[in-house]
């Protein structure tokens, strides 16, 4: 940013990621990390939630790194930040419109394109707009094992945030139908927080309980696993 937007002078923001992959054990105790690995292996659709700078993208990268090596991964991001070690990764990035207002490529556009590219798993950097509708439709039509992030204050808030994005785009959908759509698309929410010491930790792993209303069932609390996945789906 430069003046006059930056009142006190030019301001530069740098998002710098580690050149080495950060393992899941850096975010959670071994039992919780093992649970997350199991969720990825079982092809659960995972939604990573958290506040700004909580470590959502880094955790998403760590989770995607646990995907089977022969999978065809397609990543969709506003700014390409994910670095996956898999040999078969297709990286797609959005593009802003030109000053003439043409040439824009949104995440919604990328999602529609990705579905025609035979993905084994979709990895979406951040859901923040109309792409929520297309992502839920994809997850409800056989694209299991996909991962995405969203800004939220808790696991349950993440589902509500996703529902609100859908309602903003498709206003004529009844709220119970939206809740069912979200509940059937997302299997587990992983909520990450940044502590006072700056460390990023998984604070909550919660299975989505399907039904007319959105609800979650905790699978882990702090550094302990308190339940197994699968009992909340009906």
Protein backbone atom coordinates (compact mmCIF):
# COMPACT_ATOMS: atom_id res chain seq x y z
CA UNK A 1 0.00 0.00 0.00
CA UNK A 2 1.17 3.55 -0.74
CA UNK A 3 -0.06 7.01 0.15
CA UNK A 4 -2.76 8.17 0.57
CA UNK A 5 -4.21 4.72 1.36
CA UNK A 6 -1.31 4.05 3.74
CA UNK A 7 -1.53 7.23 5.79
CA UNK A 8 1.96 7.06 7.32
CA UNK A 9 3.76 6.06 4.13
CA UNK A 10 4.33 2.92 2.03
CA UNK A 11 3.41 -0.36 3.75
CA UNK A 12 4.57 -3.79 2.57
CA UNK A 13 3.15 -7.13 3.74
CA UNK A 14 5.18 -10.30 3.15
CA UNK A 15 3.68 -13.79 3.47
CA UNK A 16 6.66 -16.10 3.83
CA UNK A 17 6.32 -19.87 4.03
CA UNK A 18 8.91 -22.39 5.13
CA UNK A 19 10.88 -24.05 2.33
CA UNK A 20 10.60 -27.32 4.24
CA UNK A 21 7.22 -29.05 4.67
CA UNK A 22 5.84 -28.65 8.21
CA UNK A 23 4.50 -31.99 9.52
CA UNK A 24 1.20 -32.48 11.29
CA UNK A 25 3.10 -33.19 14.52
CA UNK A 26 4.04 -29.49 14.59
CA UNK A 27 0.34 -28.65 14.94
CA UNK A 28 -0.88 -31.38 17.26
CA UNK A 29 0.16 -34.02 19.75
CA UNK A 30 0.89 -37.50 18.30
CA UNK A 31 -2.60 -38.93 19.03
CA UNK A 32 -4.34 -35.99 17.30
CA UNK A 33 -1.84 -36.04 14.41
CA UNK A 34 -2.54 -39.76 13.97
CA UNK A 35 -6.28 -39.00 13.92
CA UNK A 36 -5.78 -36.40 11.20
CA UNK A 37 -3.74 -38.87 9.14
CA UNK A 38 -6.55 -41.40 9.53
CA UNK A 39 -9.13 -38.86 8.35
CA UNK A 40 -7.08 -38.13 5.23
CA UNK A 41 -6.54 -41.83 4.55
CA UNK A 42 -10.29 -42.51 4.91
CA UNK A 43 -10.98 -39.82 2.28
CA UNK A 44 -13.00 -37.60 4.59
CA UNK A 45 -13.82 -34.14 3.27
CA UNK A 46 -11.93 -31.83 5.64
CA UNK A 47 -12.60 -28.15 6.29
CA UNK A 48 -9.77 -26.27 8.04
CA UNK A 49 -10.98 -23.22 9.96
CA UNK A 50 -9.29 -20.48 11.93
CA UNK A 51 -8.68 -16.76 12.25
CA UNK A 52 -6.31 -14.69 10.13
CA UNK A 53 -2.69 -15.91 10.50
CA UNK A 54 -3.80 -18.93 12.52
CA UNK A 55 -1.92 -21.25 10.16
CA UNK A 56 -4.78 -22.53 7.99
CA UNK A 57 -2.80 -22.68 4.75
CA UNK A 58 0.21 -24.31 6.40
CA UNK A 59 -1.99 -26.90 8.07
CA UNK A 60 -3.81 -27.48 4.77
CA UNK A 61 -0.43 -28.13 3.15
CA UNK A 62 0.47 -30.60 5.90
CA UNK A 63 -2.85 -32.45 5.56
CA UNK A 64 -2.56 -32.62 1.77
CA UNK A 65 0.96 -33.96 2.21
CA UNK A 66 -0.56 -37.08 3.83
CA UNK A 67 -2.55 -37.93 0.69
CA UNK A 68 -1.54 -41.15 -1.09
CA UNK A 69 1.38 -40.43 -3.45
CA UNK A 70 -0.35 -41.69 -6.60
CA UNK A 71 -3.35 -39.35 -6.24
CA UNK A 72 -4.08 -36.65 -8.81
CA UNK A 73 -4.38 -33.43 -6.82
CA UNK A 74 -5.77 -30.17 -8.15
CA UNK A 75 -5.11 -27.09 -6.03
CA UNK A 76 -7.17 -23.92 -6.43
CA UNK A 77 -5.96 -20.68 -4.81
CA UNK A 78 -6.19 -16.92 -5.05
CA UNK A 79 -2.39 -16.85 -4.70
CA UNK A 80 -0.50 -20.09 -5.26
CA UNK A 81 1.04 -20.88 -1.86
CA UNK A 82 0.64 -24.65 -1.45
CA UNK A 83 3.74 -26.75 -2.00
CA UNK A 84 2.88 -30.44 -2.30
CA UNK A 85 5.48 -33.19 -2.80
CA UNK A 86 3.20 -35.36 -4.94
CA UNK A 87 4.28 -36.11 -8.51
CA UNK A 88 0.81 -35.45 -9.98
CA UNK A 89 -0.32 -31.98 -8.88
CA UNK A 90 -2.16 -29.47 -11.06
CA UNK A 91 -1.95 -25.95 -9.59
CA UNK A 92 -4.60 -23.41 -10.60
CA UNK A 93 -4.62 -19.74 -9.58
CA UNK A 94 -7.23 -17.02 -9.92
CA UNK A 95 -6.68 -13.91 -12.03
CA UNK A 96 -8.01 -10.41 -11.49
CA UNK A 97 -9.80 -8.53 -14.23
CA UNK A 98 -7.88 -6.10 -16.42
CA UNK A 99 -8.52 -2.34 -16.10
CA UNK A 100 -11.09 -2.83 -18.87
CA UNK A 101 -12.99 -5.29 -16.69
CA UNK A 102 -12.27 -8.43 -18.71
CA UNK A 103 -10.18 -11.54 -18.23
CA UNK A 104 -11.18 -12.28 -14.63
CA UNK A 105 -10.85 -15.89 -13.49
CA UNK A 106 -12.47 -16.59 -10.12
CA UNK A 107 -12.31 -19.61 -7.82
CA UNK A 108 -15.80 -20.52 -9.03
CA UNK A 109 -14.46 -20.61 -12.60
CA UNK A 110 -11.50 -22.72 -11.51
CA UNK A 111 -13.74 -25.19 -9.66
CA UNK A 112 -15.91 -25.75 -12.72
CA UNK A 113 -12.76 -26.30 -14.78
CA UNK A 114 -11.17 -28.60 -12.19
CA UNK A 115 -14.17 -30.93 -12.20
CA UNK A 116 -13.49 -31.67 -15.87
CA UNK A 117 -9.85 -32.59 -15.13
CA UNK A 118 -10.50 -35.90 -13.35
CA UNK A 119 -9.26 -34.91 -9.89
CA UNK A 120 -8.80 -37.56 -7.22
CA UNK A 121 -8.87 -34.79 -4.62
CA UNK A 122 -9.56 -31.07 -4.69
CA UNK A 123 -7.57 -28.72 -2.45
CA UNK A 124 -9.09 -25.23 -2.18
CA UNK A 125 -6.95 -22.53 -0.57
CA UNK A 126 -9.79 -20.49 0.94
CA UNK A 127 -13.56 -20.34 0.52
CA UNK A 128 -14.83 -16.79 0.67
CA UNK A 129 -17.49 -16.28 -2.02
CA UNK A 130 -19.67 -17.88 -4.67
CA UNK A 131 -17.24 -20.78 -5.04
CA UNK A 132 -18.83 -22.22 -1.88
CA UNK A 133 -21.85 -23.37 -3.92
CA UNK A 134 -19.72 -25.06 -6.57
CA UNK A 135 -17.50 -26.72 -3.96
CA UNK A 136 -20.45 -28.17 -2.05
CA UNK A 137 -21.95 -29.48 -5.26
CA UNK A 138 -18.63 -31.13 -6.11
CA UNK A 139 -18.30 -32.70 -2.66
CA UNK A 140 -21.85 -34.01 -2.86
CA UNK A 141 -21.24 -35.68 -6.23
CA UNK A 142 -18.43 -38.09 -5.44
CA UNK A 143 -15.28 -36.00 -4.95
CA UNK A 144 -14.37 -37.48 -1.59
CA UNK A 145 -11.17 -36.68 0.25
CA UNK A 146 -11.11 -32.99 -0.67
CA UNK A 147 -9.74 -30.23 1.56
CA UNK A 148 -10.44 -26.52 1.96
CA UNK A 149 -10.09 -23.64 4.43
CA UNK A 150 -12.44 -20.94 5.69
CA UNK A 151 -12.20 -18.07 8.17
CA UNK A 152 -14.11 -18.87 11.38
CA UNK A 153 -13.85 -18.74 15.17
CA UNK A 154 -14.74 -22.39 15.84
CA UNK A 155 -15.63 -25.63 14.08
CA UNK A 156 -19.37 -24.92 14.28
CA UNK A 157 -18.84 -21.33 13.15
CA UNK A 158 -17.02 -22.68 10.09
CA UNK A 159 -20.13 -24.59 9.00
CA UNK A 160 -22.33 -21.56 9.63
CA UNK A 161 -19.94 -19.41 7.63
CA UNK A 162 -20.09 -21.86 4.75
CA UNK A 163 -23.90 -21.88 4.88
CA UNK A 164 -24.02 -18.08 4.86
CA UNK A 165 -21.80 -17.96 1.76
CA UNK A 166 -24.16 -20.35 0.00
CA UNK A 167 -27.22 -18.32 1.01
CA UNK A 168 -25.58 -15.13 -0.21
CA UNK A 169 -25.18 -16.68 -3.64
CA UNK A 170 -28.43 -18.71 -3.84
CA UNK A 171 -30.97 -16.70 -1.89
CA UNK A 172 -34.00 -18.84 -2.74
CA UNK A 173 -32.71 -21.98 -1.04
CA UNK A 174 -34.49 -22.84 2.25
CA UNK A 175 -32.13 -22.67 5.23
CA UNK A 176 -32.73 -26.33 6.29
CA UNK A 177 -31.83 -27.44 2.75
CA UNK A 178 -28.59 -25.42 2.87
CA UNK A 179 -27.72 -26.94 6.25
CA UNK A 180 -28.29 -30.44 4.91
CA UNK A 181 -26.20 -29.64 1.84
CA UNK A 182 -23.31 -28.42 4.01
CA UNK A 183 -23.64 -31.31 6.48
CA UNK A 184 -23.51 -33.93 3.75
CA UNK A 185 -20.57 -32.31 1.98
CA UNK A 186 -18.23 -31.77 4.95
CA UNK A 187 -17.21 -34.71 7.12
CA UNK A 188 -14.83 -33.13 9.62
CA UNK A 189 -13.79 -29.61 10.63
CA UNK A 190 -10.25 -29.00 11.91
CA UNK A 191 -9.98 -25.73 13.83
CA UNK A 192 -6.52 -24.20 14.27
CA UNK A 193 -5.54 -21.28 16.53
CA UNK A 194 -2.47 -19.18 17.15
CA UNK A 195 -1.49 -18.99 20.81
CA UNK A 196 -0.07 -16.02 22.70
CA UNK A 197 3.41 -17.43 22.10
CA UNK A 198 2.79 -17.40 18.34
CA UNK A 199 2.58 -21.20 18.08
CA UNK A 200 -0.13 -22.62 15.83
CA UNK A 201 -2.04 -25.56 17.29
CA UNK A 202 -5.05 -27.65 16.37
CA UNK A 203 -7.61 -26.68 18.99
CA UNK A 204 -10.54 -28.76 17.79
CA UNK A 205 -11.28 -31.69 15.52
CA UNK A 206 -15.02 -32.16 15.12
CA UNK A 207 -17.14 -34.52 13.04
CA UNK A 208 -20.15 -32.97 11.33
CA UNK A 209 -23.46 -34.40 12.50
CA UNK A 210 -25.85 -34.52 9.58
CA UNK A 211 -29.44 -33.39 9.97
CA UNK A 212 -31.77 -30.44 9.48
CA UNK A 213 -29.53 -28.23 11.62
CA UNK A 214 -25.75 -27.90 11.64
CA UNK A 215 -23.98 -29.50 14.56
CA UNK A 216 -20.60 -31.04 15.34
CA UNK A 217 -19.38 -33.85 17.59
CA UNK A 218 -15.89 -33.37 19.08
CA UNK A 219 -13.30 -35.98 18.14
CA UNK A 220 -10.42 -34.37 20.00
CA UNK A 221 -9.98 -31.91 22.82
CA UNK A 222 -6.61 -30.25 23.20
CA UNK A 223 -3.96 -32.95 22.79
CA UNK A 224 -6.30 -35.89 23.39
CA UNK A 225 -8.51 -37.94 21.10
CA UNK A 226 -11.89 -38.38 22.78
CA UNK A 227 -13.90 -40.27 20.16
CA UNK A 228 -13.67 -42.08 16.84
CA UNK A 229 -14.89 -40.79 13.51
CA UNK A 230 -18.01 -42.14 11.85
CA UNK A 231 -20.65 -42.12 14.59
CA UNK A 232 -21.96 -38.66 13.68
CA UNK A 233 -22.93 -39.60 10.12
CA UNK A 234 -26.45 -40.87 9.63
